[in-house]
Amino acid sequence: MPAKKPLKKAVLPVAGLGTRFLPATKVMAKEMLPVVDKPLIQYAVEEARAAGIEEFCFVTGRGKVMLVDQFDVAVELERTLTERGKQKELDMLHAQAMQPGSIITTRQQVPLGLGHAIWCARAFIGDDPFAILLPDDLMQCEVSCTKQLADAYNETGGNVVAVEEVPREIVNRYGVIDPGATTGKLVEVKGLVEKPPVEQAPSNLTVIGRYVLMPEVIGHLAKMERGAGNEIQLTDSMAKLIGTQPFHGVLYEGKRFDCGDKAGYLEAQVAFALARPDMAPAMRGILQRYS
């Protein structure tokens, strides 16, 4: 078996319009919506960096330059903070700084699905393994969810997806795995199906917005085959790798918040505030007043 290539690249599909959050997302990218005091895109990038990721590709759409600006040097802001002696804020900005050249963007000109978005990053991916993070899925984990997948990739040498159990009656909203043997947190993936009818779903183990995939998936995506919703589904091309490469699900340890949904976004505000010593007392007081 050839030596595993190190996992250093991540693709973040961020071209969506965020229509469920209008009017907030009329001029602001939905991935810039803050949870407490940090935008969703920054949580995703920091999670990936904790897994050793060094290169990022944002698959964007029109009007989304703010996403890259978030990781750029803010010269005027830093000058003002220096003049005002706000060293704590300066240190925070410097700690979050990215290496020059570590973020590139590419455009998904037409909304043809997640698979199409990943195909748009094909030049960035090249012949390397790569992670995918969907910023709408905000993860609260002691060990970065992407790090958990990276560890599984280093162990298995193949494709890895984060999976979680959901009530069977809602499996038709997700990609669902056909599970094989389970070893600890690793579940063999024998099959994958996108948004199956409830009665036809092979399990209630669903794929969430964290993946580590081998570059061979691009060849299948390039065929532009339409799937569920008449879109180019990533799940369909991933399924074609099964049997030719190792493929596993990871029953990750942690909690996911669906920040593409208003209720999930509000719950994330509560959970992340309660997890911070500087915010927890205030949040507990707010909850008591409204309970």
C-alpha atoms as a PDB file:
ATOM      1  CA  MET A   1       0.000   0.000   0.000  1.00  0.00           C
ATOM      2  CA  PRO A   2       1.480   3.400  -1.007  1.00  0.00           C
ATOM      3  CA  ALA A   3       2.353   5.868   1.734  1.00  0.00           C
ATOM      4  CA  LYS A   4      -0.506   8.118   2.776  1.00  0.00           C
ATOM      5  CA  LYS A   5      -0.225  11.712   1.691  1.00  0.00           C
ATOM      6  CA  PRO A   6      -0.550  14.177   4.578  1.00  0.00           C
ATOM      7  CA  LEU A   7      -3.912  15.922   4.891  1.00  0.00           C
ATOM      8  CA  LYS A   8      -3.160  19.627   4.421  1.00  0.00           C
ATOM      9  CA  LYS A   9      -6.008  20.946   2.231  1.00  0.00           C
ATOM     10  CA  ALA A  10      -9.617  21.890   2.935  1.00  0.00           C
ATOM     11  CA  VAL A  11     -12.465  23.041   0.706  1.00  0.00           C
ATOM     12  CA  LEU A  12     -15.222  25.219   2.166  1.00  0.00           C
ATOM     13  CA  PRO A  13     -18.296  25.530  -0.076  1.00  0.00           C
ATOM     14  CA  VAL A  14     -19.660  29.008   0.729  1.00  0.00           C
ATOM     15  CA  ALA A  15     -21.562  30.052  -2.394  1.00  0.00           C
ATOM     16  CA  GLY A  16     -25.090  29.723  -0.953  1.00  0.00           C
ATOM     17  CA  LEU A  17     -27.437  32.710  -0.808  1.00  0.00           C
ATOM     18  CA  GLY A  18     -28.645  32.125   2.744  1.00  0.00           C
ATOM     19  CA  THR A  19     -32.270  32.789   1.821  1.00  0.00           C
ATOM     20  CA  ARG A  20     -33.531  31.283   5.095  1.00  0.00           C
ATOM     21  CA  PHE A  21     -31.876  34.175   6.943  1.00  0.00           C
ATOM     22  CA  LEU A  22     -33.174  37.070   4.855  1.00  0.00           C
ATOM     23  CA  PRO A  23     -33.120  40.019   5.359  1.00  0.00           C
ATOM     24  CA  ALA A  24     -29.884  39.574   7.415  1.00  0.00           C
ATOM     25  CA  THR A  25     -28.188  37.909   4.443  1.00  0.00           C
ATOM     26  CA  LYS A  26     -29.305  40.439   1.833  1.00  0.00           C
ATOM     27  CA  VAL A  27     -25.836  42.030   1.757  1.00  0.00           C
ATOM     28  CA  MET A  28     -23.904  39.818   4.209  1.00  0.00           C
ATOM     29  CA  ALA A  29     -22.734  36.266   3.519  1.00  0.00           C
ATOM     30  CA  LYS A  30     -24.596  33.811   5.761  1.00  0.00           C
ATOM     31  CA  GLU A  31     -21.225  32.349   6.772  1.00  0.00           C
ATOM     32  CA  MET A  32     -20.430  35.725   8.368  1.00  0.00           C
ATOM     33  CA  LEU A  33     -23.327  35.398  10.813  1.00  0.00           C
ATOM     34  CA  PRO A  34     -21.754  35.476  14.292  1.00  0.00           C
ATOM     35  CA  VAL A  35     -22.216  32.941  17.064  1.00  0.00           C
ATOM     36  CA  VAL A  36     -21.504  35.005  20.183  1.00  0.00           C
ATOM     37  CA  ASP A  37     -18.621  37.060  18.732  1.00  0.00           C
ATOM     38  CA  LYS A  38     -17.138  34.931  15.948  1.00  0.00           C
ATOM     39  CA  PRO A  39     -18.517  34.300  12.429  1.00  0.00           C
ATOM     40  CA  LEU A  40     -19.368  30.782  11.291  1.00  0.00           C
ATOM     41  CA  ILE A  41     -16.620  30.797   8.654  1.00  0.00           C
ATOM     42  CA  GLN A  42     -13.984  31.464  11.309  1.00  0.00           C
ATOM     43  CA  TYR A  43     -15.168  28.594  13.504  1.00  0.00           C
ATOM     44  CA  ALA A  44     -14.788  26.280  10.485  1.00  0.00           C
ATOM     45  CA  VAL A  45     -11.310  27.524   9.579  1.00  0.00           C
ATOM     46  CA  GLU A  46     -10.094  27.265  13.176  1.00  0.00           C
ATOM     47  CA  GLU A  47     -11.498  23.732  13.447  1.00  0.00           C
ATOM     48  CA  ALA A  48      -9.604  22.719  10.311  1.00  0.00           C
ATOM     49  CA  ARG A  49      -6.378  24.382  11.458  1.00  0.00           C
ATOM     50  CA  ALA A  50      -6.606  22.377  14.694  1.00  0.00           C
ATOM     51  CA  ALA A  51      -6.440  19.274  12.463  1.00  0.00           C
ATOM     52  CA  GLY A  52      -3.252  20.416  10.736  1.00  0.00           C
ATOM     53  CA  ILE A  53      -4.922  21.897   7.644  1.00  0.00           C
ATOM     54  CA  GLU A  54      -2.729  24.597   6.074  1.00  0.00           C
ATOM     55  CA  GLU A  55      -4.373  25.414   2.719  1.00  0.00           C
ATOM     56  CA  PHE A  56      -7.964  26.542   2.197  1.00  0.00           C
ATOM     57  CA  CYS A  57     -10.148  26.971  -0.871  1.00  0.00           C
ATOM     58  CA  PHE A  58     -13.378  28.955  -0.478  1.00  0.00           C
ATOM     59  CA  VAL A  59     -15.862  28.092  -3.222  1.00  0.00           C
ATOM     60  CA  THR A  60     -17.729  31.383  -3.340  1.00  0.00           C
ATOM     61  CA  GLY A  61     -20.439  33.217  -5.242  1.00  0.00           C
ATOM     62  CA  ARG A  62     -20.937  36.822  -6.291  1.00  0.00           C
ATOM     63  CA  GLY A  63     -20.688  39.427  -3.547  1.00  0.00           C
ATOM     64  CA  LYS A  64     -18.888  37.221  -1.015  1.00  0.00           C
ATOM     65  CA  VAL A  65     -15.561  39.037  -0.755  1.00  0.00           C
ATOM     66  CA  MET A  66     -16.275  39.662   2.951  1.00  0.00           C
ATOM     67  CA  LEU A  67     -15.412  36.015   3.666  1.00  0.00           C
ATOM     68  CA  VAL A  68     -11.819  36.491   2.545  1.00  0.00           C
ATOM     69  CA  ASP A  69     -11.583  39.953   4.126  1.00  0.00           C
ATOM     70  CA  GLN A  70     -12.296  38.303   7.501  1.00  0.00           C
ATOM     71  CA  PHE A  71      -8.857  36.639   7.298  1.00  0.00           C
ATOM     72  CA  ASP A  72      -6.978  39.583   5.796  1.00  0.00           C
ATOM     73  CA  VAL A  73      -4.871  42.105   7.708  1.00  0.00           C
ATOM     74  CA  ALA A  74      -7.074  45.024   8.815  1.00  0.00           C
ATOM     75  CA  VAL A  75      -4.462  47.794   8.731  1.00  0.00           C
ATOM     76  CA  GLU A  76      -6.694  50.664   9.855  1.00  0.00           C
ATOM     77  CA  LEU A  77      -8.259  48.608  12.639  1.00  0.00           C
ATOM     78  CA  GLU A  78      -4.882  47.445  13.962  1.00  0.00           C
ATOM     79  CA  ARG A  79      -3.508  51.004  13.846  1.00  0.00           C
ATOM     80  CA  THR A  80      -6.491  52.288  15.833  1.00  0.00           C
ATOM     81  CA  LEU A  81      -6.190  49.494  18.407  1.00  0.00           C
ATOM     82  CA  THR A  82      -2.482  50.274  18.806  1.00  0.00           C
ATOM     83  CA  GLU A  83      -3.162  53.977  19.290  1.00  0.00           C
ATOM     84  CA  ARG A  84      -5.778  53.204  21.917  1.00  0.00           C
ATOM     85  CA  GLY A  85      -3.597  50.711  23.763  1.00  0.00           C
ATOM     86  CA  LYS A  86      -5.973  47.783  23.200  1.00  0.00           C
ATOM     87  CA  GLN A  87      -3.305  45.085  23.335  1.00  0.00           C
ATOM     88  CA  LYS A  88      -5.713  42.255  24.191  1.00  0.00           C
ATOM     89  CA  GLU A  89      -7.710  42.832  21.006  1.00  0.00           C
ATOM     90  CA  LEU A  90      -4.520  43.168  18.954  1.00  0.00           C
ATOM     91  CA  ASP A  91      -3.156  39.905  20.321  1.00  0.00           C
ATOM     92  CA  MET A  92      -6.428  38.178  19.413  1.00  0.00           C
ATOM     93  CA  LEU A  93      -6.248  39.405  15.810  1.00  0.00           C
ATOM     94  CA  HIS A  94      -2.605  38.357  15.492  1.00  0.00           C
ATOM     95  CA  ALA A  95      -3.338  34.898  16.925  1.00  0.00           C
ATOM     96  CA  GLN A  96      -6.007  34.382  14.265  1.00  0.00           C
ATOM     97  CA  ALA A  97      -3.825  35.613  11.378  1.00  0.00           C
ATOM     98  CA  MET A  98      -3.383  33.299   8.398  1.00  0.00           C
ATOM     99  CA  GLN A  99      -0.174  32.673   6.493  1.00  0.00           C
ATOM    100  CA  PRO A 100      -0.078  34.725   3.274  1.00  0.00           C
ATOM    101  CA  GLY A 101      -1.269  32.611   0.371  1.00  0.00           C
ATOM    102  CA  SER A 102      -3.049  30.039   2.525  1.00  0.00           C
ATOM    103  CA  ILE A 103      -6.538  31.010   1.302  1.00  0.00           C
ATOM    104  CA  ILE A 104      -7.634  30.989  -2.319  1.00  0.00           C
ATOM    105  CA  THR A 105     -11.112  31.397  -3.789  1.00  0.00           C
ATOM    106  CA  THR A 106     -12.869  30.037  -6.814  1.00  0.00           C
ATOM    107  CA  ARG A 107     -16.335  30.855  -8.116  1.00  0.00           C
ATOM    108  CA  GLN A 108     -19.326  28.556  -8.436  1.00  0.00           C
ATOM    109  CA  GLN A 109     -21.163  30.603 -11.033  1.00  0.00           C
ATOM    110  CA  VAL A 110     -24.345  28.516 -10.972  1.00  0.00           C
ATOM    111  CA  PRO A 111     -25.954  26.715  -7.986  1.00  0.00           C
ATOM    112  CA  LEU A 112     -25.819  23.108  -9.180  1.00  0.00           C
ATOM    113  CA  GLY A 113     -25.323  21.420  -5.815  1.00  0.00           C
ATOM    114  CA  LEU A 114     -22.591  20.494  -3.354  1.00  0.00           C
ATOM    115  CA  GLY A 115     -20.929  18.070  -5.759  1.00  0.00           C
ATOM    116  CA  HIS A 116     -20.588  20.810  -8.355  1.00  0.00           C
ATOM    117  CA  ALA A 117     -19.105  23.158  -5.733  1.00  0.00           C
ATOM    118  CA  ILE A 118     -16.407  20.611  -4.891  1.00  0.00           C
ATOM    119  CA  TRP A 119     -15.699  20.027  -8.595  1.00  0.00           C
ATOM    120  CA  CYS A 120     -15.112  23.796  -8.930  1.00  0.00           C
ATOM    121  CA  ALA A 121     -12.138  23.360  -6.545  1.00  0.00           C
ATOM    122  CA  ARG A 122     -10.519  20.631  -8.671  1.00  0.00           C
ATOM    123  CA  ALA A 123      -7.394  22.657  -9.551  1.00  0.00           C
ATOM    124  CA  PHE A 124      -6.778  23.357  -5.850  1.00  0.00           C
ATOM    125  CA  ILE A 125      -7.339  19.700  -4.872  1.00  0.00           C
ATOM    126  CA  GLY A 126      -5.048  18.251  -7.529  1.00  0.00           C
ATOM    127  CA  ASP A 127      -3.869  14.767  -6.504  1.00  0.00           C
ATOM    128  CA  ASP A 128      -4.128  15.314  -2.757  1.00  0.00           C
ATOM    129  CA  PRO A 129      -6.552  14.147  -0.079  1.00  0.00           C
ATOM    130  CA  PHE A 130      -8.717  17.001   1.156  1.00  0.00           C
ATOM    131  CA  ALA A 131     -11.178  17.860   3.872  1.00  0.00           C
ATOM    132  CA  ILE A 132     -14.580  19.458   3.278  1.00  0.00           C
ATOM    133  CA  LEU A 133     -16.215  21.619   5.931  1.00  0.00           C
ATOM    134  CA  LEU A 134     -19.727  23.023   5.580  1.00  0.00           C
ATOM    135  CA  PRO A 135     -19.757  26.104   7.854  1.00  0.00           C
ATOM    136  CA  ASP A 136     -23.536  25.794   8.385  1.00  0.00           C
ATOM    137  CA  ASP A 137     -22.746  22.767  10.554  1.00  0.00           C
ATOM    138  CA  LEU A 138     -21.163  24.336  13.621  1.00  0.00           C
ATOM    139  CA  MET A 139     -19.346  21.751  15.722  1.00  0.00           C
ATOM    140  CA  GLN A 140     -18.779  21.871  19.476  1.00  0.00           C
ATOM    141  CA  CYS A 141     -16.176  19.195  20.222  1.00  0.00           C
ATOM    142  CA  GLU A 142     -13.366  18.802  22.742  1.00  0.00           C
ATOM    143  CA  VAL A 143     -11.223  17.450  19.906  1.00  0.00           C
ATOM    144  CA  SER A 144     -11.829  19.274  16.626  1.00  0.00           C
ATOM    145  CA  CYS A 145     -14.279  17.241  14.516  1.00  0.00           C
ATOM    146  CA  THR A 146     -11.957  17.587  11.513  1.00  0.00           C
ATOM    147  CA  LYS A 147      -9.076  16.351  13.691  1.00  0.00           C
ATOM    148  CA  GLN A 148     -11.150  13.276  14.549  1.00  0.00           C
ATOM    149  CA  LEU A 149     -11.590  12.631  10.806  1.00  0.00           C
ATOM    150  CA  ALA A 150      -7.919  13.313  10.098  1.00  0.00           C
ATOM    151  CA  ASP A 151      -6.934  10.756  12.723  1.00  0.00           C
ATOM    152  CA  ALA A 152      -9.287   8.221  11.110  1.00  0.00           C
ATOM    153  CA  TYR A 153      -7.794   8.992   7.678  1.00  0.00           C
ATOM    154  CA  ASN A 154      -4.291   8.404   9.043  1.00  0.00           C
ATOM    155  CA  GLU A 155      -5.485   5.079  10.448  1.00  0.00           C
ATOM    156  CA  THR A 156      -7.412   3.818   7.410  1.00  0.00           C
ATOM    157  CA  GLY A 157      -5.759   5.588   4.493  1.00  0.00           C
ATOM    158  CA  GLY A 158      -9.064   6.261   2.776  1.00  0.00           C
ATOM    159  CA  ASN A 159     -12.263   8.261   2.638  1.00  0.00           C
ATOM    160  CA  VAL A 160     -13.825   9.270   5.953  1.00  0.00           C
ATOM    161  CA  VAL A 161     -17.088  11.041   6.756  1.00  0.00           C
ATOM    162  CA  ALA A 162     -18.536  12.250  10.055  1.00  0.00           C
ATOM    163  CA  VAL A 163     -21.776  10.449  10.876  1.00  0.00           C
ATOM    164  CA  GLU A 164     -24.447  10.745  13.541  1.00  0.00           C
ATOM    165  CA  GLU A 165     -27.652   8.935  14.411  1.00  0.00           C
ATOM    166  CA  VAL A 166     -30.916  10.768  13.755  1.00  0.00           C
ATOM    167  CA  PRO A 167     -34.567   9.737  14.287  1.00  0.00           C
ATOM    168  CA  ARG A 168     -35.515   7.474  11.397  1.00  0.00           C
ATOM    169  CA  GLU A 169     -38.452   9.674  10.403  1.00  0.00           C
ATOM    170  CA  ILE A 170     -36.075  12.453   9.271  1.00  0.00           C
ATOM    171  CA  VAL A 171     -33.447  10.409   7.402  1.00  0.00           C
ATOM    172  CA  ASN A 172     -34.909  11.678   4.124  1.00  0.00           C
ATOM    173  CA  ARG A 173     -33.203  15.036   4.787  1.00  0.00           C
ATOM    174  CA  TYR A 174     -29.676  13.605   4.751  1.00  0.00           C
ATOM    175  CA  GLY A 175     -27.146  11.409   3.041  1.00  0.00           C
ATOM    176  CA  VAL A 176     -27.466   7.994   4.721  1.00  0.00           C
ATOM    177  CA  ILE A 177     -24.846   5.248   5.009  1.00  0.00           C
ATOM    178  CA  ASP A 178     -25.301   1.509   4.672  1.00  0.00           C
ATOM    179  CA  PRO A 179     -23.124   0.437   7.613  1.00  0.00           C
ATOM    180  CA  GLY A 180     -20.839  -2.559   7.826  1.00  0.00           C
ATOM    181  CA  ALA A 181     -18.562  -3.624  10.648  1.00  0.00           C
ATOM    182  CA  THR A 182     -18.079  -1.188  13.531  1.00  0.00           C
ATOM    183  CA  THR A 183     -14.756  -0.903  15.372  1.00  0.00           C
ATOM    184  CA  GLY A 184     -14.869   1.630  18.164  1.00  0.00           C
ATOM    185  CA  LYS A 185     -15.941   4.895  16.565  1.00  0.00           C
ATOM    186  CA  LEU A 186     -15.170   3.664  13.036  1.00  0.00           C
ATOM    187  CA  VAL A 187     -18.029   2.318  10.912  1.00  0.00           C
ATOM    188  CA  GLU A 188     -17.377   0.625   7.595  1.00  0.00           C
ATOM    189  CA  VAL A 189     -19.407   2.256   4.815  1.00  0.00           C
ATOM    190  CA  LYS A 190     -20.848  -0.296   2.379  1.00  0.00           C
ATOM    191  CA  GLY A 191     -23.148   2.132   0.610  1.00  0.00           C
ATOM    192  CA  LEU A 192     -24.355   5.733   0.505  1.00  0.00           C
ATOM    193  CA  VAL A 193     -27.664   7.196  -0.602  1.00  0.00           C
ATOM    194  CA  GLU A 194     -28.746  10.831  -0.693  1.00  0.00           C
ATOM    195  CA  LYS A 195     -32.127  11.740   0.880  1.00  0.00           C
ATOM    196  CA  PRO A 196     -33.740   8.296   0.597  1.00  0.00           C
ATOM    197  CA  PRO A 197     -37.435   7.740   1.339  1.00  0.00           C
ATOM    198  CA  VAL A 198     -37.746   6.858   5.028  1.00  0.00           C
ATOM    199  CA  GLU A 199     -38.903   3.302   4.318  1.00  0.00           C
ATOM    200  CA  GLN A 200     -35.939   2.670   1.962  1.00  0.00           C
ATOM    201  CA  ALA A 201     -33.153   4.123   4.107  1.00  0.00           C
ATOM    202  CA  PRO A 202     -30.411   1.556   4.869  1.00  0.00           C
ATOM    203  CA  SER A 203     -29.918   2.945   8.426  1.00  0.00           C
ATOM    204  CA  ASN A 204     -30.412   6.038  10.543  1.00  0.00           C
ATOM    205  CA  LEU A 205     -26.700   6.928  10.377  1.00  0.00           C
ATOM    206  CA  THR A 206     -26.445  10.174   8.447  1.00  0.00           C
ATOM    207  CA  VAL A 207     -23.529  12.087   6.976  1.00  0.00           C
ATOM    208  CA  ILE A 208     -22.988  15.603   8.348  1.00  0.00           C
ATOM    209  CA  GLY A 209     -20.956  18.458   6.879  1.00  0.00           C
ATOM    210  CA  ARG A 210     -17.463  17.091   7.545  1.00  0.00           C
ATOM    211  CA  TYR A 211     -15.571  14.870   5.087  1.00  0.00           C
ATOM    212  CA  VAL A 212     -12.068  13.707   4.205  1.00  0.00           C
ATOM    213  CA  LEU A 213     -12.025  12.487   0.613  1.00  0.00           C
ATOM    214  CA  MET A 214      -9.528  11.132  -1.861  1.00  0.00           C
ATOM    215  CA  PRO A 215      -8.942  13.129  -5.074  1.00  0.00           C
ATOM    216  CA  GLU A 216     -10.442  10.346  -7.209  1.00  0.00           C
ATOM    217  CA  VAL A 217     -13.905  11.669  -6.322  1.00  0.00           C
ATOM    218  CA  ILE A 218     -13.296  14.547  -8.759  1.00  0.00           C
ATOM    219  CA  GLY A 219     -13.280  12.164 -11.729  1.00  0.00           C
ATOM    220  CA  HIS A 220     -16.788  11.012 -10.827  1.00  0.00           C
ATOM    221  CA  LEU A 221     -18.028  14.554 -10.180  1.00  0.00           C
ATOM    222  CA  ALA A 222     -16.716  15.590 -13.600  1.00  0.00           C
ATOM    223  CA  LYS A 223     -19.401  13.448 -15.262  1.00  0.00           C
ATOM    224  CA  MET A 224     -21.965  16.017 -14.005  1.00  0.00           C
ATOM    225  CA  GLU A 225     -24.585  13.383 -13.287  1.00  0.00           C
ATOM    226  CA  ARG A 226     -27.727  14.790 -11.680  1.00  0.00           C
ATOM    227  CA  GLY A 227     -29.142  13.205  -8.538  1.00  0.00           C
ATOM    228  CA  ALA A 228     -31.627  14.165  -5.814  1.00  0.00           C
ATOM    229  CA  GLY A 229     -33.172  17.591  -6.402  1.00  0.00           C
ATOM    230  CA  ASN A 230     -31.764  17.516  -9.959  1.00  0.00           C
ATOM    231  CA  GLU A 231     -28.443  18.631  -8.487  1.00  0.00           C
ATOM    232  CA  ILE A 232     -24.927  17.196  -8.766  1.00  0.00           C
ATOM    233  CA  GLN A 233     -24.766  15.384  -5.439  1.00  0.00           C
ATOM    234  CA  LEU A 234     -21.468  14.792  -3.703  1.00  0.00           C
ATOM    235  CA  THR A 235     -22.937  11.678  -2.055  1.00  0.00           C
ATOM    236  CA  ASP A 236     -23.475   9.982  -5.431  1.00  0.00           C
ATOM    237  CA  SER A 237     -19.830  10.377  -6.451  1.00  0.00           C
ATOM    238  CA  MET A 238     -18.574   9.354  -2.997  1.00  0.00           C
ATOM    239  CA  ALA A 239     -20.611   6.159  -3.284  1.00  0.00           C
ATOM    240  CA  LYS A 240     -18.686   5.232  -6.433  1.00  0.00           C
ATOM    241  CA  LEU A 241     -15.443   5.138  -4.440  1.00  0.00           C
ATOM    242  CA  ILE A 242     -16.776   2.378  -2.182  1.00  0.00           C
ATOM    243  CA  GLY A 243     -15.118  -0.922  -3.000  1.00  0.00           C
ATOM    244  CA  THR A 244     -12.132   0.714  -4.699  1.00  0.00           C
ATOM    245  CA  GLN A 245     -10.798   2.584  -1.638  1.00  0.00           C
ATOM    246  CA  PRO A 246     -11.261   2.298   2.122  1.00  0.00           C
ATOM    247  CA  PHE A 247     -14.414   4.156   3.197  1.00  0.00           C
ATOM    248  CA  HIS A 248     -15.484   4.710   6.798  1.00  0.00           C
ATOM    249  CA  GLY A 249     -17.809   6.797   8.902  1.00  0.00           C
ATOM    250  CA  VAL A 250     -16.682   8.267  12.201  1.00  0.00           C
ATOM    251  CA  LEU A 251     -19.172   8.451  15.059  1.00  0.00           C
ATOM    252  CA  TYR A 252     -17.645  11.737  16.109  1.00  0.00           C
ATOM    253  CA  GLU A 253     -17.604  12.904  19.711  1.00  0.00           C
ATOM    254  CA  GLY A 254     -19.256  16.265  20.156  1.00  0.00           C
ATOM    255  CA  LYS A 255     -22.387  18.149  19.178  1.00  0.00           C
ATOM    256  CA  ARG A 256     -23.526  19.638  15.882  1.00  0.00           C
ATOM    257  CA  PHE A 257     -25.619  22.766  15.522  1.00  0.00           C
ATOM    258  CA  ASP A 258     -27.451  23.301  12.233  1.00  0.00           C
ATOM    259  CA  CYS A 259     -26.840  27.016  11.758  1.00  0.00           C
ATOM    260  CA  GLY A 260     -28.551  26.955   8.376  1.00  0.00           C
ATOM    261  CA  ASP A 261     -31.752  26.735  10.425  1.00  0.00           C
ATOM    262  CA  LYS A 262     -32.929  29.627  12.609  1.00  0.00           C
ATOM    263  CA  ALA A 263     -33.733  27.440  15.621  1.00  0.00           C
ATOM    264  CA  GLY A 264     -30.380  25.647  15.349  1.00  0.00           C
ATOM    265  CA  TYR A 265     -28.589  28.990  15.063  1.00  0.00           C
ATOM    266  CA  LEU A 266     -30.288  30.307  18.209  1.00  0.00           C
ATOM    267  CA  GLU A 267     -29.450  27.116  20.104  1.00  0.00           C
ATOM    268  CA  ALA A 268     -25.809  27.498  19.084  1.00  0.00           C
ATOM    269  CA  GLN A 269     -25.752  31.003  20.591  1.00  0.00           C
ATOM    270  CA  VAL A 270     -26.908  29.568  23.914  1.00  0.00           C
ATOM    271  CA  ALA A 271     -24.558  26.570  23.885  1.00  0.00           C
ATOM    272  CA  PHE A 272     -21.445  28.507  22.911  1.00  0.00           C
ATOM    273  CA  ALA A 273     -22.162  31.296  25.395  1.00  0.00           C
ATOM    274  CA  LEU A 274     -22.661  28.779  28.209  1.00  0.00           C
ATOM    275  CA  ALA A 275     -19.323  27.153  27.303  1.00  0.00           C
ATOM    276  CA  ARG A 276     -17.450  30.433  27.889  1.00  0.00           C
ATOM    277  CA  PRO A 277     -16.585  31.502  31.447  1.00  0.00           C
ATOM    278  CA  ASP A 278     -16.908  35.172  30.476  1.00  0.00           C
ATOM    279  CA  MET A 279     -20.409  34.725  29.021  1.00  0.00           C
ATOM    280  CA  ALA A 280     -21.973  31.831  30.959  1.00  0.00           C
ATOM    281  CA  PRO A 281     -23.274  33.840  33.965  1.00  0.00           C
ATOM    282  CA  ALA A 282     -24.968  36.396  31.716  1.00  0.00           C
ATOM    283  CA  MET A 283     -26.520  33.690  29.515  1.00  0.00           C
ATOM    284  CA  ARG A 284     -27.824  31.772  32.542  1.00  0.00           C
ATOM    285  CA  GLY A 285     -29.441  34.959  33.795  1.00  0.00           C
ATOM    286  CA  ILE A 286     -31.058  35.607  30.434  1.00  0.00           C
ATOM    287  CA  LEU A 287     -32.421  32.050  30.266  1.00  0.00           C
ATOM    288  CA  GLN A 288     -33.865  32.335  33.765  1.00  0.00           C
ATOM    289  CA  ARG A 289     -35.635  35.586  32.886  1.00  0.00           C
ATOM    290  CA  TYR A 290     -37.279  34.059  29.840  1.00  0.00           C
ATOM    291  CA  SER A 291     -38.003  30.542  31.101  1.00  0.00           C
END
